[in-house]
Amino acid sequence: MKKISLIFIGTAGIGIPLLEKLTQDNRFDVKLVITQADRPAGRSMQMASSPIKVKSEELRIKSFQPENINSEDSLATIRDIRPDMIILYAYGQILSRELLDIPKYGSINAHASLLPKYRGASPVQQALLNSDEITGLSIMQMVEKMDAGPVYKQSDLTIKKDDDVLTLTSRLANLTAYEMPDILISIIRGDLEPEPQDDSKASYCEKIKKSDGEINWNEDAKTIHAKMRAYAGWPGTFTFWNGKRLKILSGQADAYEVEPGKVIQKDHLIFIGTKKGSIVPDDVQMEGKTVQHVHAFAKGYPDFINSKLG
């Protein structure tokens, strides 16, 4: 059987296992990786490549980084390759109809939610923010509207109580890599027909901003803990103490009642009060300092206990 020629389009790290799997599968030939242009990143604001570009270089696959994927130059590059399929996972731009129509067997998108729930840029975070028990993967035919195409197949994934956005994203990435290759073959053979989404049930999630991680101690402990899980890694959850940013990197929600934002110590535990219940922090990080367990932090800063955060 002739290998199926693919163009892979993606930016975020969630797409790495799928890209690897497709390059290892002798049924496919990944001709090109399209990803976002290098951007300034970190405190130094040095130019950095997307995780997908870094991986494509490791795999020795040519990469292409158009500012606008729908430009004439971009379309010409894609047409020259004459791909059988385009595969997209977490890219960041909406593809034009002209581009979507280039591949012989269509343009396929993987999305980390059970569509039409959580269309948009942050479906994994949104599932955690809403304390969902189930999320999943949707593989769909792309249209010009964001995450609105008809769905070929969905796969459920249970959210574990100790999952945060890092672990859940990793599990969804591996699920996609496992499911996608055989689904692509089924699509090409005509064994799968996509089912239209019910737009009346659609919900949306926005791109996460750094400011989203600031803790409001007048919210309840369950809500704050959900944000700690959803924003692990970046942007992280943080508050302010003595005029400096203090990251609360991990912890648990507790029913113990404390004044919102007040830090107390009781029965060898440290509690931070919320509107309802409290947060029992584990690891914290003061601005410009290393990560510490909260007890070590409080030992070094004894005035932390009985202080007010925010």
C-alpha atoms as a PDB file:
ATOM      1  CA  MET A   1       0.000   0.000   0.000  1.00  0.00           C
ATOM      2  CA  LYS A   2       1.305   3.441  -0.908  1.00  0.00           C
ATOM      3  CA  LYS A   3       2.107   5.572   2.112  1.00  0.00           C
ATOM      4  CA  ILE A   4      -0.434   8.277   2.964  1.00  0.00           C
ATOM      5  CA  SER A   5       1.222  11.687   2.720  1.00  0.00           C
ATOM      6  CA  LEU A   6       0.438  14.009   5.624  1.00  0.00           C
ATOM      7  CA  ILE A   7       0.963  17.586   6.665  1.00  0.00           C
ATOM      8  CA  PHE A   8       0.894  17.935  10.460  1.00  0.00           C
ATOM      9  CA  ILE A   9      -0.203  21.291  11.875  1.00  0.00           C
ATOM     10  CA  GLY A  10       0.252  22.067  15.564  1.00  0.00           C
ATOM     11  CA  THR A  11       1.907  24.255  18.169  1.00  0.00           C
ATOM     12  CA  ALA A  12       1.325  22.973  21.713  1.00  0.00           C
ATOM     13  CA  GLY A  13       3.084  20.042  23.330  1.00  0.00           C
ATOM     14  CA  ILE A  14      -0.134  18.012  23.467  1.00  0.00           C
ATOM     15  CA  GLY A  15       0.482  17.186  19.785  1.00  0.00           C
ATOM     16  CA  ILE A  16       3.960  15.688  20.273  1.00  0.00           C
ATOM     17  CA  PRO A  17       2.942  12.032  20.930  1.00  0.00           C
ATOM     18  CA  LEU A  18       0.676  12.093  17.868  1.00  0.00           C
ATOM     19  CA  LEU A  19       3.406  13.539  15.646  1.00  0.00           C
ATOM     20  CA  GLU A  20       5.828  10.897  16.893  1.00  0.00           C
ATOM     21  CA  LYS A  21       3.317   8.099  16.360  1.00  0.00           C
ATOM     22  CA  LEU A  22       2.506   9.177  12.806  1.00  0.00           C
ATOM     23  CA  THR A  23       6.194   9.328  11.881  1.00  0.00           C
ATOM     24  CA  GLN A  24       6.742   5.821  13.305  1.00  0.00           C
ATOM     25  CA  ASP A  25       3.735   4.289  11.503  1.00  0.00           C
ATOM     26  CA  ASN A  26       4.825   2.910   8.113  1.00  0.00           C
ATOM     27  CA  ARG A  27       1.365   3.624   6.675  1.00  0.00           C
ATOM     28  CA  PHE A  28       2.064   7.369   6.780  1.00  0.00           C
ATOM     29  CA  ASP A  29       4.640   9.802   5.454  1.00  0.00           C
ATOM     30  CA  VAL A  30       4.737  13.140   7.293  1.00  0.00           C
ATOM     31  CA  LYS A  31       5.972  15.505   4.596  1.00  0.00           C
ATOM     32  CA  LEU A  32       5.823  18.786   6.493  1.00  0.00           C
ATOM     33  CA  VAL A  33       5.125  20.217   9.953  1.00  0.00           C
ATOM     34  CA  ILE A  34       3.428  23.618  10.109  1.00  0.00           C
ATOM     35  CA  THR A  35       3.658  25.478  13.399  1.00  0.00           C
ATOM     36  CA  GLN A  36       3.484  29.011  14.772  1.00  0.00           C
ATOM     37  CA  ALA A  37       6.365  31.438  14.272  1.00  0.00           C
ATOM     38  CA  ASP A  38       9.010  31.711  16.990  1.00  0.00           C
ATOM     39  CA  ARG A  39       7.978  34.106  19.769  1.00  0.00           C
ATOM     40  CA  PRO A  40       9.754  35.938  22.624  1.00  0.00           C
ATOM     41  CA  ALA A  41       9.450  33.908  25.840  1.00  0.00           C
ATOM     42  CA  GLY A  42      10.552  33.932  29.462  1.00  0.00           C
ATOM     43  CA  ARG A  43      12.034  36.761  31.498  1.00  0.00           C
ATOM     44  CA  SER A  44      14.798  37.272  28.948  1.00  0.00           C
ATOM     45  CA  MET A  45      12.219  37.466  26.110  1.00  0.00           C
ATOM     46  CA  GLN A  46      14.517  35.481  23.845  1.00  0.00           C
ATOM     47  CA  MET A  47      12.995  33.970  20.731  1.00  0.00           C
ATOM     48  CA  ALA A  48      11.697  30.466  21.367  1.00  0.00           C
ATOM     49  CA  SER A  49      10.313  27.771  19.075  1.00  0.00           C
ATOM     50  CA  SER A  50       7.035  25.971  19.699  1.00  0.00           C
ATOM     51  CA  PRO A  51       7.207  22.479  21.235  1.00  0.00           C
ATOM     52  CA  ILE A  52       6.067  21.057  17.898  1.00  0.00           C
ATOM     53  CA  LYS A  53       8.886  22.767  16.001  1.00  0.00           C
ATOM     54  CA  VAL A  54      11.438  21.462  18.484  1.00  0.00           C
ATOM     55  CA  LYS A  55      10.080  17.940  18.043  1.00  0.00           C
ATOM     56  CA  SER A  56       9.977  18.232  14.242  1.00  0.00           C
ATOM     57  CA  GLU A  57      13.672  19.147  14.283  1.00  0.00           C
ATOM     58  CA  GLU A  58      14.411  16.104  16.466  1.00  0.00           C
ATOM     59  CA  LEU A  59      12.498  13.941  13.977  1.00  0.00           C
ATOM     60  CA  ARG A  60      14.224  15.651  11.033  1.00  0.00           C
ATOM     61  CA  ILE A  61      10.968  16.709   9.440  1.00  0.00           C
ATOM     62  CA  LYS A  62      10.906  20.003   7.562  1.00  0.00           C
ATOM     63  CA  SER A  63       8.969  22.718   9.396  1.00  0.00           C
ATOM     64  CA  PHE A  64       7.154  25.770   8.041  1.00  0.00           C
ATOM     65  CA  GLN A  65       6.162  28.767  10.189  1.00  0.00           C
ATOM     66  CA  PRO A  66       3.860  31.171   8.350  1.00  0.00           C
ATOM     67  CA  GLU A  67       2.538  34.198  10.233  1.00  0.00           C
ATOM     68  CA  ASN A  68      -0.736  33.621   8.388  1.00  0.00           C
ATOM     69  CA  ILE A  69      -1.366  30.054   7.347  1.00  0.00           C
ATOM     70  CA  ASN A  70      -4.013  31.194   4.847  1.00  0.00           C
ATOM     71  CA  SER A  71      -1.684  33.520   2.911  1.00  0.00           C
ATOM     72  CA  GLU A  72      -0.970  32.882  -0.757  1.00  0.00           C
ATOM     73  CA  ASP A  73       2.626  31.861   0.000  1.00  0.00           C
ATOM     74  CA  SER A  74       1.412  29.370   2.590  1.00  0.00           C
ATOM     75  CA  LEU A  75      -1.226  27.929   0.266  1.00  0.00           C
ATOM     76  CA  ALA A  76       1.370  27.553  -2.485  1.00  0.00           C
ATOM     77  CA  THR A  77       3.718  25.676  -0.138  1.00  0.00           C
ATOM     78  CA  ILE A  78       0.944  23.286   0.891  1.00  0.00           C
ATOM     79  CA  ARG A  79      -0.237  22.728  -2.685  1.00  0.00           C
ATOM     80  CA  ASP A  80       3.308  21.843  -3.774  1.00  0.00           C
ATOM     81  CA  ILE A  81       3.322  18.953  -1.305  1.00  0.00           C
ATOM     82  CA  ARG A  82      -0.038  17.617  -2.539  1.00  0.00           C
ATOM     83  CA  PRO A  83      -0.902  15.982   0.803  1.00  0.00           C
ATOM     84  CA  ASP A  84      -3.416  13.167   1.075  1.00  0.00           C
ATOM     85  CA  MET A  85      -4.487  14.545   4.477  1.00  0.00           C
ATOM     86  CA  ILE A  86      -3.901  17.474   6.787  1.00  0.00           C
ATOM     87  CA  ILE A  87      -3.850  16.653  10.511  1.00  0.00           C
ATOM     88  CA  LEU A  88      -4.233  19.493  13.026  1.00  0.00           C
ATOM     89  CA  TYR A  89      -3.903  19.411  16.802  1.00  0.00           C
ATOM     90  CA  ALA A  90      -3.790  22.560  18.966  1.00  0.00           C
ATOM     91  CA  TYR A  91      -2.445  25.026  16.420  1.00  0.00           C
ATOM     92  CA  GLY A  92      -3.947  28.468  17.083  1.00  0.00           C
ATOM     93  CA  GLN A  93      -5.251  29.680  13.706  1.00  0.00           C
ATOM     94  CA  ILE A  94      -8.477  28.915  11.829  1.00  0.00           C
ATOM     95  CA  LEU A  95      -7.884  27.428   8.381  1.00  0.00           C
ATOM     96  CA  SER A  96      -9.588  28.870   5.309  1.00  0.00           C
ATOM     97  CA  ARG A  97     -11.893  26.828   3.062  1.00  0.00           C
ATOM     98  CA  GLU A  98      -9.302  27.129   0.285  1.00  0.00           C
ATOM     99  CA  LEU A  99      -6.699  25.454   2.494  1.00  0.00           C
ATOM    100  CA  LEU A 100      -9.061  22.825   3.904  1.00  0.00           C
ATOM    101  CA  ASP A 101      -9.936  21.671   0.396  1.00  0.00           C
ATOM    102  CA  ILE A 102      -6.326  21.019  -0.689  1.00  0.00           C
ATOM    103  CA  PRO A 103      -5.788  17.478   0.683  1.00  0.00           C
ATOM    104  CA  LYS A 104      -7.276  14.545  -1.216  1.00  0.00           C
ATOM    105  CA  TYR A 105      -8.932  12.928   1.817  1.00  0.00           C
ATOM    106  CA  GLY A 106      -9.708  16.033   3.826  1.00  0.00           C
ATOM    107  CA  SER A 107      -8.446  17.983   6.825  1.00  0.00           C
ATOM    108  CA  ILE A 108      -8.832  16.341  10.238  1.00  0.00           C
ATOM    109  CA  ASN A 109      -8.671  17.989  13.653  1.00  0.00           C
ATOM    110  CA  ALA A 110      -8.128  16.416  17.073  1.00  0.00           C
ATOM    111  CA  HIS A 111      -9.633  18.375  19.978  1.00  0.00           C
ATOM    112  CA  ALA A 112      -9.211  17.611  23.689  1.00  0.00           C
ATOM    113  CA  SER A 113     -12.858  17.684  24.744  1.00  0.00           C
ATOM    114  CA  LEU A 114     -16.129  15.920  24.033  1.00  0.00           C
ATOM    115  CA  LEU A 115     -17.492  18.366  21.486  1.00  0.00           C
ATOM    116  CA  PRO A 116     -19.574  20.478  21.272  1.00  0.00           C
ATOM    117  CA  LYS A 117     -18.507  21.021  24.889  1.00  0.00           C
ATOM    118  CA  TYR A 118     -15.498  23.317  25.327  1.00  0.00           C
ATOM    119  CA  ARG A 119     -14.768  24.552  21.849  1.00  0.00           C
ATOM    120  CA  GLY A 120     -11.770  26.866  21.891  1.00  0.00           C
ATOM    121  CA  ALA A 121      -8.258  27.297  23.207  1.00  0.00           C
ATOM    122  CA  SER A 122      -8.310  25.801  26.728  1.00  0.00           C
ATOM    123  CA  PRO A 123     -10.555  22.702  26.901  1.00  0.00           C
ATOM    124  CA  VAL A 124      -8.324  20.778  29.333  1.00  0.00           C
ATOM    125  CA  GLN A 125      -8.173  23.684  31.778  1.00  0.00           C
ATOM    126  CA  GLN A 126     -11.923  24.256  31.479  1.00  0.00           C
ATOM    127  CA  ALA A 127     -12.735  20.654  32.363  1.00  0.00           C
ATOM    128  CA  LEU A 128     -10.653  21.022  35.541  1.00  0.00           C
ATOM    129  CA  LEU A 129     -12.069  24.449  36.391  1.00  0.00           C
ATOM    130  CA  ASN A 130     -15.554  22.943  36.233  1.00  0.00           C
ATOM    131  CA  SER A 131     -14.508  19.902  38.302  1.00  0.00           C
ATOM    132  CA  ASP A 132     -15.696  17.561  35.534  1.00  0.00           C
ATOM    133  CA  GLU A 133     -15.324  13.838  36.094  1.00  0.00           C
ATOM    134  CA  ILE A 134     -15.122  12.933  32.389  1.00  0.00           C
ATOM    135  CA  THR A 135     -13.381  14.554  29.452  1.00  0.00           C
ATOM    136  CA  GLY A 136     -12.167  13.063  26.206  1.00  0.00           C
ATOM    137  CA  LEU A 137     -11.048  13.345  22.623  1.00  0.00           C
ATOM    138  CA  SER A 138     -12.988  14.378  19.518  1.00  0.00           C
ATOM    139  CA  ILE A 139     -11.681  13.698  16.020  1.00  0.00           C
ATOM    140  CA  MET A 140     -13.522  15.780  13.451  1.00  0.00           C
ATOM    141  CA  GLN A 141     -13.624  17.076   9.943  1.00  0.00           C
ATOM    142  CA  MET A 142     -12.415  20.667   9.895  1.00  0.00           C
ATOM    143  CA  VAL A 143     -14.600  23.572   8.813  1.00  0.00           C
ATOM    144  CA  GLU A 144     -13.938  27.311   8.777  1.00  0.00           C
ATOM    145  CA  LYS A 145     -15.582  27.782  12.175  1.00  0.00           C
ATOM    146  CA  MET A 146     -13.603  26.958  15.321  1.00  0.00           C
ATOM    147  CA  ASP A 147     -14.042  23.330  16.475  1.00  0.00           C
ATOM    148  CA  ALA A 148     -17.468  23.149  14.833  1.00  0.00           C
ATOM    149  CA  GLY A 149     -16.934  20.429  12.221  1.00  0.00           C
ATOM    150  CA  PRO A 150     -18.767  17.087  12.109  1.00  0.00           C
ATOM    151  CA  VAL A 151     -17.241  14.459  14.401  1.00  0.00           C
ATOM    152  CA  TYR A 152     -15.889  11.099  13.229  1.00  0.00           C
ATOM    153  CA  LYS A 153     -15.240   9.602  16.665  1.00  0.00           C
ATOM    154  CA  GLN A 154     -15.100  10.494  20.339  1.00  0.00           C
ATOM    155  CA  SER A 155     -13.260   8.721  23.159  1.00  0.00           C
ATOM    156  CA  ASP A 156     -13.983   9.275  26.868  1.00  0.00           C
ATOM    157  CA  LEU A 157     -11.282   9.742  29.495  1.00  0.00           C
ATOM    158  CA  THR A 158     -11.931   9.737  33.246  1.00  0.00           C
ATOM    159  CA  ILE A 159     -10.415  12.668  35.130  1.00  0.00           C
ATOM    160  CA  LYS A 160      -8.570  11.395  38.190  1.00  0.00           C
ATOM    161  CA  LYS A 161      -8.879  13.218  41.510  1.00  0.00           C
ATOM    162  CA  ASP A 162      -5.142  13.935  41.519  1.00  0.00           C
ATOM    163  CA  ASP A 163      -5.011  15.104  37.880  1.00  0.00           C
ATOM    164  CA  ASP A 164      -3.855  18.604  37.099  1.00  0.00           C
ATOM    165  CA  VAL A 165      -3.558  20.200  33.666  1.00  0.00           C
ATOM    166  CA  LEU A 166      -0.088  18.693  33.163  1.00  0.00           C
ATOM    167  CA  THR A 167      -1.038  15.092  33.897  1.00  0.00           C
ATOM    168  CA  LEU A 168      -4.417  15.308  32.170  1.00  0.00           C
ATOM    169  CA  THR A 169      -2.903  16.880  29.043  1.00  0.00           C
ATOM    170  CA  SER A 170      -0.321  14.095  28.934  1.00  0.00           C
ATOM    171  CA  ARG A 171      -3.015  11.432  29.188  1.00  0.00           C
ATOM    172  CA  LEU A 172      -5.101  13.084  26.454  1.00  0.00           C
ATOM    173  CA  ALA A 173      -2.020  13.407  24.242  1.00  0.00           C
ATOM    174  CA  ASN A 174      -1.282   9.690  24.596  1.00  0.00           C
ATOM    175  CA  LEU A 175      -4.934   8.799  23.961  1.00  0.00           C
ATOM    176  CA  THR A 176      -4.855  10.811  20.730  1.00  0.00           C
ATOM    177  CA  ALA A 177      -1.645   9.142  19.564  1.00  0.00           C
ATOM    178  CA  TYR A 178      -3.188   5.724  20.232  1.00  0.00           C
ATOM    179  CA  GLU A 179      -6.533   6.419  18.548  1.00  0.00           C
ATOM    180  CA  MET A 180      -5.739   8.652  15.592  1.00  0.00           C
ATOM    181  CA  PRO A 181      -3.735   6.479  13.126  1.00  0.00           C
ATOM    182  CA  ASP A 182      -6.402   3.780  12.727  1.00  0.00           C
ATOM    183  CA  ILE A 183      -9.150   6.416  12.563  1.00  0.00           C
ATOM    184  CA  LEU A 184      -7.345   8.121   9.685  1.00  0.00           C
ATOM    185  CA  ILE A 185      -7.224   4.815   7.807  1.00  0.00           C
ATOM    186  CA  SER A 186     -10.946   4.270   8.455  1.00  0.00           C
ATOM    187  CA  ILE A 187     -11.713   7.751   7.108  1.00  0.00           C
ATOM    188  CA  ILE A 188      -9.734   7.100   3.942  1.00  0.00           C
ATOM    189  CA  ARG A 189     -11.473   3.758   3.422  1.00  0.00           C
ATOM    190  CA  GLY A 190     -14.876   5.375   3.882  1.00  0.00           C
ATOM    191  CA  ASP A 191     -15.670   3.287   6.965  1.00  0.00           C
ATOM    192  CA  LEU A 192     -16.497   6.330   9.129  1.00  0.00           C
ATOM    193  CA  GLU A 193     -19.114   8.991   8.445  1.00  0.00           C
ATOM    194  CA  PRO A 194     -18.881  12.211  10.481  1.00  0.00           C
ATOM    195  CA  GLU A 195     -21.869  13.238  12.602  1.00  0.00           C
ATOM    196  CA  PRO A 196     -22.828  16.944  12.785  1.00  0.00           C
ATOM    197  CA  GLN A 197     -22.451  18.638  16.154  1.00  0.00           C
ATOM    198  CA  ASP A 198     -25.445  20.091  17.957  1.00  0.00           C
ATOM    199  CA  ASP A 199     -24.546  23.774  17.968  1.00  0.00           C
ATOM    200  CA  SER A 200     -27.256  24.512  20.535  1.00  0.00           C
ATOM    201  CA  LYS A 201     -25.199  22.571  23.108  1.00  0.00           C
ATOM    202  CA  ALA A 202     -21.890  24.269  22.313  1.00  0.00           C
ATOM    203  CA  SER A 203     -19.807  25.903  25.031  1.00  0.00           C
ATOM    204  CA  TYR A 204     -16.594  27.857  24.637  1.00  0.00           C
ATOM    205  CA  CYS A 205     -13.347  28.437  26.502  1.00  0.00           C
ATOM    206  CA  GLU A 206     -10.900  31.300  26.045  1.00  0.00           C
ATOM    207  CA  LYS A 207      -7.130  31.416  25.874  1.00  0.00           C
ATOM    208  CA  ILE A 208      -5.629  31.433  29.373  1.00  0.00           C
ATOM    209  CA  LYS A 209      -4.029  34.712  30.511  1.00  0.00           C
ATOM    210  CA  LYS A 210      -1.321  35.158  33.129  1.00  0.00           C
ATOM    211  CA  SER A 211      -3.694  37.237  35.240  1.00  0.00           C
ATOM    212  CA  ASP A 212      -6.134  34.298  35.449  1.00  0.00           C
ATOM    213  CA  GLY A 213      -3.833  32.675  37.990  1.00  0.00           C
ATOM    214  CA  GLU A 214      -4.308  35.331  40.684  1.00  0.00           C
ATOM    215  CA  ILE A 215      -6.184  33.846  43.641  1.00  0.00           C
ATOM    216  CA  ASN A 216      -9.272  35.621  44.929  1.00  0.00           C
ATOM    217  CA  TRP A 217      -9.566  34.496  48.553  1.00  0.00           C
ATOM    218  CA  ASN A 218     -13.223  35.603  48.545  1.00  0.00           C
ATOM    219  CA  GLU A 219     -14.001  32.611  46.320  1.00  0.00           C
ATOM    220  CA  ASP A 220     -14.651  29.253  47.944  1.00  0.00           C
ATOM    221  CA  ALA A 221     -11.939  26.660  48.543  1.00  0.00           C
ATOM    222  CA  LYS A 222     -13.309  24.244  45.934  1.00  0.00           C
ATOM    223  CA  THR A 223     -13.127  26.916  43.217  1.00  0.00           C
ATOM    224  CA  ILE A 224      -9.604  27.974  44.191  1.00  0.00           C
ATOM    225  CA  HIS A 225      -8.404  24.363  44.302  1.00  0.00           C
ATOM    226  CA  ALA A 226      -9.878  23.767  40.838  1.00  0.00           C
ATOM    227  CA  LYS A 227      -7.833  26.723  39.572  1.00  0.00           C
ATOM    228  CA  MET A 228      -4.699  25.290  41.185  1.00  0.00           C
ATOM    229  CA  ARG A 229      -5.232  22.103  39.179  1.00  0.00           C
ATOM    230  CA  ALA A 230      -6.168  23.906  35.956  1.00  0.00           C
ATOM    231  CA  TYR A 231      -3.294  26.408  36.004  1.00  0.00           C
ATOM    232  CA  ALA A 232      -0.475  24.107  37.177  1.00  0.00           C
ATOM    233  CA  GLY A 233       2.742  24.868  35.340  1.00  0.00           C
ATOM    234  CA  TRP A 234       1.456  28.042  33.663  1.00  0.00           C
ATOM    235  CA  PRO A 235       0.321  30.561  34.691  1.00  0.00           C
ATOM    236  CA  GLY A 236       0.277  28.944  38.131  1.00  0.00           C
ATOM    237  CA  THR A 237      -1.883  30.192  40.985  1.00  0.00           C
ATOM    238  CA  PHE A 238      -0.495  33.088  42.975  1.00  0.00           C
ATOM    239  CA  THR A 239      -1.298  35.667  45.609  1.00  0.00           C
ATOM    240  CA  PHE A 240       0.598  38.571  47.160  1.00  0.00           C
ATOM    241  CA  TRP A 241       2.305  38.736  50.536  1.00  0.00           C
ATOM    242  CA  ASN A 242       4.361  41.684  51.805  1.00  0.00           C
ATOM    243  CA  GLY A 243       4.089  43.257  48.370  1.00  0.00           C
ATOM    244  CA  LYS A 244       5.611  40.261  46.558  1.00  0.00           C
ATOM    245  CA  ARG A 245       4.099  37.563  44.399  1.00  0.00           C
ATOM    246  CA  LEU A 246       3.729  34.236  46.199  1.00  0.00           C
ATOM    247  CA  LYS A 247       2.884  31.185  44.127  1.00  0.00           C
ATOM    248  CA  ILE A 248       0.737  28.499  45.760  1.00  0.00           C
ATOM    249  CA  LEU A 249       1.929  25.586  43.642  1.00  0.00           C
ATOM    250  CA  SER A 250       0.023  22.742  45.239  1.00  0.00           C
ATOM    251  CA  GLY A 251      -2.357  21.985  48.068  1.00  0.00           C
ATOM    252  CA  GLN A 252      -5.828  20.743  48.995  1.00  0.00           C
ATOM    253  CA  ALA A 253      -9.229  22.175  49.774  1.00  0.00           C
ATOM    254  CA  ASP A 254     -10.451  21.731  53.351  1.00  0.00           C
ATOM    255  CA  ALA A 255     -13.724  22.403  55.142  1.00  0.00           C
ATOM    256  CA  TYR A 256     -12.025  24.230  58.028  1.00  0.00           C
ATOM    257  CA  GLU A 257     -13.329  27.809  58.199  1.00  0.00           C
ATOM    258  CA  VAL A 258     -10.863  30.718  58.337  1.00  0.00           C
ATOM    259  CA  GLU A 259     -11.229  34.394  57.461  1.00  0.00           C
ATOM    260  CA  PRO A 260     -10.638  34.839  53.696  1.00  0.00           C
ATOM    261  CA  GLY A 261      -6.933  35.348  52.983  1.00  0.00           C
ATOM    262  CA  LYS A 262      -5.895  34.786  56.622  1.00  0.00           C
ATOM    263  CA  VAL A 263      -3.025  32.355  57.254  1.00  0.00           C
ATOM    264  CA  ILE A 264      -3.219  30.287  60.429  1.00  0.00           C
ATOM    265  CA  GLN A 265      -1.475  27.217  61.825  1.00  0.00           C
ATOM    266  CA  LYS A 266      -3.470  24.545  63.645  1.00  0.00           C
ATOM    267  CA  ASP A 267      -2.698  20.909  64.482  1.00  0.00           C
ATOM    268  CA  HIS A 268       0.559  21.002  62.499  1.00  0.00           C
ATOM    269  CA  LEU A 269      -1.242  22.201  59.370  1.00  0.00           C
ATOM    270  CA  ILE A 270      -1.251  25.616  57.709  1.00  0.00           C
ATOM    271  CA  PHE A 271      -4.602  26.898  56.461  1.00  0.00           C
ATOM    272  CA  ILE A 272      -5.427  29.866  54.234  1.00  0.00           C
ATOM    273  CA  GLY A 273      -9.012  31.029  54.571  1.00  0.00           C
ATOM    274  CA  THR A 274     -11.504  31.421  51.731  1.00  0.00           C
ATOM    275  CA  LYS A 275     -15.158  32.418  51.419  1.00  0.00           C
ATOM    276  CA  LYS A 276     -16.095  28.840  52.293  1.00  0.00           C
ATOM    277  CA  GLY A 277     -13.531  26.414  53.661  1.00  0.00           C
ATOM    278  CA  SER A 278      -9.784  26.845  53.338  1.00  0.00           C
ATOM    279  CA  ILE A 279      -6.745  25.863  51.319  1.00  0.00           C
ATOM    280  CA  VAL A 280      -4.044  23.697  52.900  1.00  0.00           C
ATOM    281  CA  PRO A 281      -0.958  24.593  50.828  1.00  0.00           C
ATOM    282  CA  ASP A 282       1.920  22.218  50.174  1.00  0.00           C
ATOM    283  CA  ASP A 283       4.572  23.809  47.947  1.00  0.00           C
ATOM    284  CA  VAL A 284       4.968  27.564  47.621  1.00  0.00           C
ATOM    285  CA  GLN A 285       7.405  29.887  45.869  1.00  0.00           C
ATOM    286  CA  MET A 286       8.193  33.459  46.753  1.00  0.00           C
ATOM    287  CA  GLU A 287       9.003  35.772  43.865  1.00  0.00           C
ATOM    288  CA  GLY A 288      12.671  35.326  42.914  1.00  0.00           C
ATOM    289  CA  LYS A 289      13.142  32.371  45.287  1.00  0.00           C
ATOM    290  CA  THR A 290      13.182  28.578  44.988  1.00  0.00           C
ATOM    291  CA  VAL A 291      10.224  26.270  45.627  1.00  0.00           C
ATOM    292  CA  GLN A 292       9.722  25.340  49.288  1.00  0.00           C
ATOM    293  CA  HIS A 293       7.297  23.277  51.294  1.00  0.00           C
ATOM    294  CA  VAL A 294       5.002  25.689  53.107  1.00  0.00           C
ATOM    295  CA  HIS A 295       6.304  24.621  56.545  1.00  0.00           C
ATOM    296  CA  ALA A 296       9.890  25.376  55.517  1.00  0.00           C
ATOM    297  CA  PHE A 297       8.728  28.685  54.106  1.00  0.00           C
ATOM    298  CA  ALA A 298       6.898  29.587  57.332  1.00  0.00           C
ATOM    299  CA  LYS A 299       9.981  28.657  59.369  1.00  0.00           C
ATOM    300  CA  GLY A 300      12.064  31.074  57.304  1.00  0.00           C
ATOM    301  CA  TYR A 301       9.340  33.735  57.388  1.00  0.00           C
ATOM    302  CA  PRO A 302       7.656  33.349  60.804  1.00  0.00           C
ATOM    303  CA  ASP A 303       5.491  36.447  60.226  1.00  0.00           C
ATOM    304  CA  PHE A 304       3.745  34.525  57.431  1.00  0.00           C
ATOM    305  CA  ILE A 305       1.557  32.845  60.050  1.00  0.00           C
ATOM    306  CA  ASN A 306      -1.368  35.095  61.070  1.00  0.00           C
ATOM    307  CA  SER A 307      -0.751  37.379  58.068  1.00  0.00           C
ATOM    308  CA  LYS A 308      -3.329  38.320  55.440  1.00  0.00           C
ATOM    309  CA  LEU A 309      -2.800  37.463  51.763  1.00  0.00           C
ATOM    310  CA  GLY A 310      -4.004  39.236  48.648  1.00  0.00           C
END
